[in-house]
C-alpha atoms as a PDB file:
ATOM      1  CA  MET A   1      -0.054   0.121  -0.135  1.00  0.00           C
ATOM      2  CA  PHE A   2       1.179   3.507  -0.876  1.00  0.00           C
ATOM      3  CA  ILE A   3       0.237   6.818   0.799  1.00  0.00           C
ATOM      4  CA  LEU A   4       0.640   9.762  -1.368  1.00  0.00           C
ATOM      5  CA  GLN A   5       0.868  12.955   0.203  1.00  0.00           C
ATOM      6  CA  LYS A   6      -0.232  15.892  -1.999  1.00  0.00           C
ATOM      7  CA  ASN A   7       0.661  19.619  -1.420  1.00  0.00           C
ATOM      8  CA  ILE A   8       2.811  19.296   1.671  1.00  0.00           C
ATOM      9  CA  PRO A   9       4.707  22.375   2.059  1.00  0.00           C
ATOM     10  CA  LYS A  10       8.431  22.465   2.557  1.00  0.00           C
ATOM     11  CA  TYR A  11       9.685  25.002   4.947  1.00  0.00           C
ATOM     12  CA  ASP A  12      13.081  26.389   4.909  1.00  0.00           C
ATOM     13  CA  PHE A  13      14.780  28.378   7.814  1.00  0.00           C
ATOM     14  CA  GLU A  14      18.149  29.989   8.230  1.00  0.00           C
ATOM     15  CA  LYS A  15      20.115  30.593  11.380  1.00  0.00           C
ATOM     16  CA  THR A  16      22.355  33.629  11.248  1.00  0.00           C
ATOM     17  CA  GLY A  17      24.747  35.116  13.719  1.00  0.00           C
ATOM     18  CA  GLU A  18      25.175  38.705  14.836  1.00  0.00           C
ATOM     19  CA  GLU A  19      27.309  39.498  11.783  1.00  0.00           C
ATOM     20  CA  GLY A  20      24.631  37.986   9.548  1.00  0.00           C
ATOM     21  CA  LYS A  21      26.558  34.876   8.620  1.00  0.00           C
ATOM     22  CA  LEU A  22      24.810  31.555   8.346  1.00  0.00           C
ATOM     23  CA  LEU A  23      25.516  29.226  11.168  1.00  0.00           C
ATOM     24  CA  PRO A  24      25.720  25.528  10.919  1.00  0.00           C
ATOM     25  CA  GLY A  25      24.928  23.139  13.695  1.00  0.00           C
ATOM     26  CA  ALA A  26      22.088  25.131  15.545  1.00  0.00           C
ATOM     27  CA  LYS A  27      19.429  23.102  16.937  1.00  0.00           C
ATOM     28  CA  PHE A  28      15.665  23.788  16.953  1.00  0.00           C
ATOM     29  CA  ASN A  29      12.516  22.198  18.219  1.00  0.00           C
ATOM     30  CA  ILE A  30       9.229  22.859  16.191  1.00  0.00           C
ATOM     31  CA  TYR A  31       5.728  22.968  17.916  1.00  0.00           C
ATOM     32  CA  ASP A  32       2.226  23.442  16.775  1.00  0.00           C
ATOM     33  CA  ILE A  33       0.425  26.429  18.163  1.00  0.00           C
ATOM     34  CA  ASN A  34      -0.777  24.263  21.026  1.00  0.00           C
ATOM     35  CA  HIS A  35       2.788  23.693  21.929  1.00  0.00           C
ATOM     36  CA  LYS A  36       2.708  19.962  20.872  1.00  0.00           C
ATOM     37  CA  LEU A  37       6.359  18.951  19.926  1.00  0.00           C
ATOM     38  CA  LEU A  38       6.416  18.097  16.288  1.00  0.00           C
ATOM     39  CA  LYS A  39       9.941  18.022  15.430  1.00  0.00           C
ATOM     40  CA  GLU A  40      12.868  17.542  17.874  1.00  0.00           C
ATOM     41  CA  ASN A  41      16.498  18.751  17.639  1.00  0.00           C
ATOM     42  CA  VAL A  42      16.356  19.717  13.987  1.00  0.00           C
ATOM     43  CA  THR A  43      19.916  20.780  13.006  1.00  0.00           C
ATOM     44  CA  THR A  44      20.988  23.464  10.476  1.00  0.00           C
ATOM     45  CA  ASP A  45      23.241  21.954   7.807  1.00  0.00           C
ATOM     46  CA  GLU A  46      26.851  23.067   6.800  1.00  0.00           C
ATOM     47  CA  ASN A  47      25.264  26.163   5.107  1.00  0.00           C
ATOM     48  CA  GLY A  48      23.177  27.111   8.328  1.00  0.00           C
ATOM     49  CA  LYS A  49      19.872  26.109   6.714  1.00  0.00           C
ATOM     50  CA  ILE A  50      16.992  23.665   7.748  1.00  0.00           C
ATOM     51  CA  LYS A  51      14.358  22.105   5.442  1.00  0.00           C
ATOM     52  CA  VAL A  52      11.331  20.562   6.855  1.00  0.00           C
ATOM     53  CA  LEU A  53       8.063  19.056   5.529  1.00  0.00           C
ATOM     54  CA  LEU A  54       4.977  20.428   7.546  1.00  0.00           C
ATOM     55  CA  SER A  55       1.313  20.638   7.042  1.00  0.00           C
ATOM     56  CA  TYR A  56      -0.107  24.098   6.285  1.00  0.00           C
ATOM     57  CA  GLY A  57      -0.380  26.085   9.502  1.00  0.00           C
ATOM     58  CA  LYS A  58       1.240  28.222  12.178  1.00  0.00           C
ATOM     59  CA  TYR A  59       4.258  26.825  14.055  1.00  0.00           C
ATOM     60  CA  ILE A  60       6.603  27.872  16.885  1.00  0.00           C
ATOM     61  CA  VAL A  61      10.335  27.367  16.210  1.00  0.00           C
ATOM     62  CA  GLU A  62      12.542  27.387  19.310  1.00  0.00           C
ATOM     63  CA  GLU A  63      16.270  27.254  19.366  1.00  0.00           C
ATOM     64  CA  VAL A  64      17.577  24.777  21.874  1.00  0.00           C
END
């Protein structure tokens, strides 16, 4: 059996330092608006970026 997910949005995040440079290795938790943990310890790549698949909605992104 296959489950196809259509129109799942991809969200891109960047972590920058004080000088505006992208920072690799930063960790984040992502919560829904009811503070339910959806993604834990999502880490920026070597370019300081994160790409996650989430349903349409509002989210809280917290650096840990």
